[in-house]
Amino acid sequence: MINTFATLLVFQTLGEGLAYALALPVPGPVIGMVLLFCYLLARRGAVDKLAPTTLEFLKHLSLLFVPAGVGIMVHGQRVAAEWLPIAAALVVSTAVSLVVTAYVLKWLHK
């Protein structure tokens, strides 16, 4: 369990470090996730080691959204003032996500 958390934190830290050092417009955790994905592709045995803990971690994923929800409430006035662009972005991004997911699933089932 500790090794899995350490692995996740190492990749997130690498992502944050790369994003900061190279002034990339992509968030560090996203870069870390891509690095972790590449690592898991390169070392197939690592998936079996990380899977039990990460699956338990995913069961409680909703708790990770609490800080983000609180952060949105801090900017409640701004959200109320700019609700139309936010709503449009949510609708468009949801539609794009659904379409991309459908195409990826269709491609994976071939």
C-alpha atoms as a PDB file:
ATOM      1  CA  MET A   1       0.000   0.000   0.000  1.00  0.00           C
ATOM      2  CA  ILE A   2       2.745   2.448   0.939  1.00  0.00           C
ATOM      3  CA  ASN A   3       4.674   1.517  -2.212  1.00  0.00           C
ATOM      4  CA  THR A   4       1.625   2.254  -4.351  1.00  0.00           C
ATOM      5  CA  PHE A   5       1.066   5.655  -2.767  1.00  0.00           C
ATOM      6  CA  ALA A   6       4.761   6.405  -3.104  1.00  0.00           C
ATOM      7  CA  THR A   7       4.646   5.449  -6.786  1.00  0.00           C
ATOM      8  CA  LEU A   8       1.630   7.678  -7.405  1.00  0.00           C
ATOM      9  CA  LEU A   9       3.235  10.575  -5.548  1.00  0.00           C
ATOM     10  CA  VAL A  10       6.522  10.158  -7.413  1.00  0.00           C
ATOM     11  CA  PHE A  11       4.769  10.395 -10.779  1.00  0.00           C
ATOM     12  CA  GLN A  12       2.684  13.353  -9.688  1.00  0.00           C
ATOM     13  CA  THR A  13       5.799  15.087  -8.411  1.00  0.00           C
ATOM     14  CA  LEU A  14       7.592  14.367 -11.687  1.00  0.00           C
ATOM     15  CA  GLY A  15       4.655  15.837 -13.572  1.00  0.00           C
ATOM     16  CA  GLU A  16       4.548  18.921 -11.371  1.00  0.00           C
ATOM     17  CA  GLY A  17       8.306  19.326 -11.714  1.00  0.00           C
ATOM     18  CA  LEU A  18       8.221  19.062 -15.493  1.00  0.00           C
ATOM     19  CA  ALA A  19       5.278  21.444 -15.767  1.00  0.00           C
ATOM     20  CA  TYR A  20       7.043  23.984 -13.571  1.00  0.00           C
ATOM     21  CA  ALA A  21      10.520  23.583 -15.051  1.00  0.00           C
ATOM     22  CA  LEU A  22       9.390  23.721 -18.665  1.00  0.00           C
ATOM     23  CA  ALA A  23       6.546  26.218 -18.024  1.00  0.00           C
ATOM     24  CA  LEU A  24       4.111  23.869 -19.734  1.00  0.00           C
ATOM     25  CA  PRO A  25       0.456  24.900 -20.014  1.00  0.00           C
ATOM     26  CA  VAL A  26      -0.609  21.368 -19.014  1.00  0.00           C
ATOM     27  CA  PRO A  27      -1.245  20.701 -15.298  1.00  0.00           C
ATOM     28  CA  GLY A  28       1.432  18.690 -13.546  1.00  0.00           C
ATOM     29  CA  PRO A  29      -0.891  15.875 -12.433  1.00  0.00           C
ATOM     30  CA  VAL A  30      -1.910  15.308 -16.058  1.00  0.00           C
ATOM     31  CA  ILE A  31       1.733  15.027 -17.093  1.00  0.00           C
ATOM     32  CA  GLY A  32       2.309  12.694 -14.152  1.00  0.00           C
ATOM     33  CA  MET A  33      -0.622  10.551 -15.251  1.00  0.00           C
ATOM     34  CA  VAL A  34       0.810  10.282 -18.766  1.00  0.00           C
ATOM     35  CA  LEU A  35       4.212   9.334 -17.329  1.00  0.00           C
ATOM     36  CA  LEU A  36       2.567   6.728 -15.097  1.00  0.00           C
ATOM     37  CA  PHE A  37       0.680   5.347 -18.102  1.00  0.00           C
ATOM     38  CA  CYS A  38       3.925   5.027 -20.062  1.00  0.00           C
ATOM     39  CA  TYR A  39       5.575   3.361 -17.059  1.00  0.00           C
ATOM     40  CA  LEU A  40       2.721   0.861 -16.782  1.00  0.00           C
ATOM     41  CA  LEU A  41       2.951   0.102 -20.497  1.00  0.00           C
ATOM     42  CA  ALA A  42       6.691  -0.470 -20.196  1.00  0.00           C
ATOM     43  CA  ARG A  43       6.505  -2.625 -17.074  1.00  0.00           C
ATOM     44  CA  ARG A  44       3.469  -4.888 -17.287  1.00  0.00           C
ATOM     45  CA  GLY A  45       4.141  -6.426 -13.864  1.00  0.00           C
ATOM     46  CA  ALA A  46       3.721  -3.046 -12.186  1.00  0.00           C
ATOM     47  CA  VAL A  47      -0.004  -3.071 -12.964  1.00  0.00           C
ATOM     48  CA  ASP A  48      -0.522  -6.150 -10.803  1.00  0.00           C
ATOM     49  CA  LYS A  49       1.308  -4.514  -7.916  1.00  0.00           C
ATOM     50  CA  LEU A  50      -0.556  -1.210  -8.136  1.00  0.00           C
ATOM     51  CA  ALA A  51      -4.028  -2.540  -8.916  1.00  0.00           C
ATOM     52  CA  PRO A  52      -5.251  -3.697  -5.464  1.00  0.00           C
ATOM     53  CA  THR A  53      -4.505  -0.426  -3.705  1.00  0.00           C
ATOM     54  CA  THR A  54      -5.557   1.805  -6.565  1.00  0.00           C
ATOM     55  CA  LEU A  55      -8.880  -0.024  -6.928  1.00  0.00           C
ATOM     56  CA  GLU A  56      -9.570   0.589  -3.236  1.00  0.00           C
ATOM     57  CA  PHE A  57      -8.525   4.188  -3.774  1.00  0.00           C
ATOM     58  CA  LEU A  58     -10.986   4.532  -6.673  1.00  0.00           C
ATOM     59  CA  LYS A  59     -13.856   3.330  -4.457  1.00  0.00           C
ATOM     60  CA  HIS A  60     -13.446   6.525  -2.442  1.00  0.00           C
ATOM     61  CA  LEU A  61     -12.813   8.790  -5.411  1.00  0.00           C
ATOM     62  CA  SER A  62     -15.822  10.974  -4.610  1.00  0.00           C
ATOM     63  CA  LEU A  63     -14.033  12.213  -1.480  1.00  0.00           C
ATOM     64  CA  LEU A  64     -11.370  13.741  -3.715  1.00  0.00           C
ATOM     65  CA  PHE A  65     -13.966  16.027  -5.253  1.00  0.00           C
ATOM     66  CA  VAL A  66     -14.868  17.637  -1.920  1.00  0.00           C
ATOM     67  CA  PRO A  67     -11.938  20.108  -2.002  1.00  0.00           C
ATOM     68  CA  ALA A  68     -12.776  20.991  -5.613  1.00  0.00           C
ATOM     69  CA  GLY A  69     -16.419  21.587  -4.640  1.00  0.00           C
ATOM     70  CA  VAL A  70     -15.377  23.782  -1.765  1.00  0.00           C
ATOM     71  CA  GLY A  71     -13.090  25.671  -4.116  1.00  0.00           C
ATOM     72  CA  ILE A  72     -15.997  26.341  -6.455  1.00  0.00           C
ATOM     73  CA  MET A  73     -18.095  27.658  -3.569  1.00  0.00           C
ATOM     74  CA  VAL A  74     -15.308  30.093  -2.677  1.00  0.00           C
ATOM     75  CA  HIS A  75     -15.773  31.597  -6.147  1.00  0.00           C
ATOM     76  CA  GLY A  76     -19.579  31.405  -6.016  1.00  0.00           C
ATOM     77  CA  GLN A  77     -20.097  35.032  -7.052  1.00  0.00           C
ATOM     78  CA  ARG A  78     -17.882  34.612 -10.097  1.00  0.00           C
ATOM     79  CA  VAL A  79     -19.686  31.398 -11.062  1.00  0.00           C
ATOM     80  CA  ALA A  80     -23.028  33.194 -10.752  1.00  0.00           C
ATOM     81  CA  ALA A  81     -21.788  36.077 -12.893  1.00  0.00           C
ATOM     82  CA  GLU A  82     -20.362  33.819 -15.615  1.00  0.00           C
ATOM     83  CA  TRP A  83     -22.878  30.986 -15.515  1.00  0.00           C
ATOM     84  CA  LEU A  84     -23.663  30.959 -19.259  1.00  0.00           C
ATOM     85  CA  PRO A  85     -20.090  30.353 -20.542  1.00  0.00           C
ATOM     86  CA  ILE A  86     -19.548  27.826 -17.759  1.00  0.00           C
ATOM     87  CA  ALA A  87     -22.771  25.971 -18.606  1.00  0.00           C
ATOM     88  CA  ALA A  88     -21.920  26.026 -22.323  1.00  0.00           C
ATOM     89  CA  ALA A  89     -18.417  24.699 -21.618  1.00  0.00           C
ATOM     90  CA  LEU A  90     -19.854  21.918 -19.451  1.00  0.00           C
ATOM     91  CA  VAL A  91     -22.395  20.870 -22.087  1.00  0.00           C
ATOM     92  CA  VAL A  92     -19.901  20.971 -24.966  1.00  0.00           C
ATOM     93  CA  SER A  93     -17.150  19.187 -23.017  1.00  0.00           C
ATOM     94  CA  THR A  94     -19.608  16.507 -21.879  1.00  0.00           C
ATOM     95  CA  ALA A  95     -20.785  15.950 -25.454  1.00  0.00           C
ATOM     96  CA  VAL A  96     -17.203  15.797 -26.754  1.00  0.00           C
ATOM     97  CA  SER A  97     -16.253  13.374 -23.971  1.00  0.00           C
ATOM     98  CA  LEU A  98     -19.179  11.097 -24.801  1.00  0.00           C
ATOM     99  CA  VAL A  99     -18.356  11.076 -28.503  1.00  0.00           C
ATOM    100  CA  VAL A 100     -14.645  10.442 -27.940  1.00  0.00           C
ATOM    101  CA  THR A 101     -15.411   7.700 -25.420  1.00  0.00           C
ATOM    102  CA  ALA A 102     -17.803   6.050 -27.864  1.00  0.00           C
ATOM    103  CA  TYR A 103     -15.207   6.109 -30.649  1.00  0.00           C
ATOM    104  CA  VAL A 104     -12.481   4.776 -28.364  1.00  0.00           C
ATOM    105  CA  LEU A 105     -14.718   1.934 -27.165  1.00  0.00           C
ATOM    106  CA  LYS A 106     -15.711   1.128 -30.731  1.00  0.00           C
ATOM    107  CA  TRP A 107     -12.027   1.107 -31.712  1.00  0.00           C
ATOM    108  CA  LEU A 108     -11.115  -1.113 -28.751  1.00  0.00           C
ATOM    109  CA  HIS A 109     -13.846  -3.656 -29.567  1.00  0.00           C
ATOM    110  CA  LYS A 110     -12.442  -4.220 -33.086  1.00  0.00           C
END
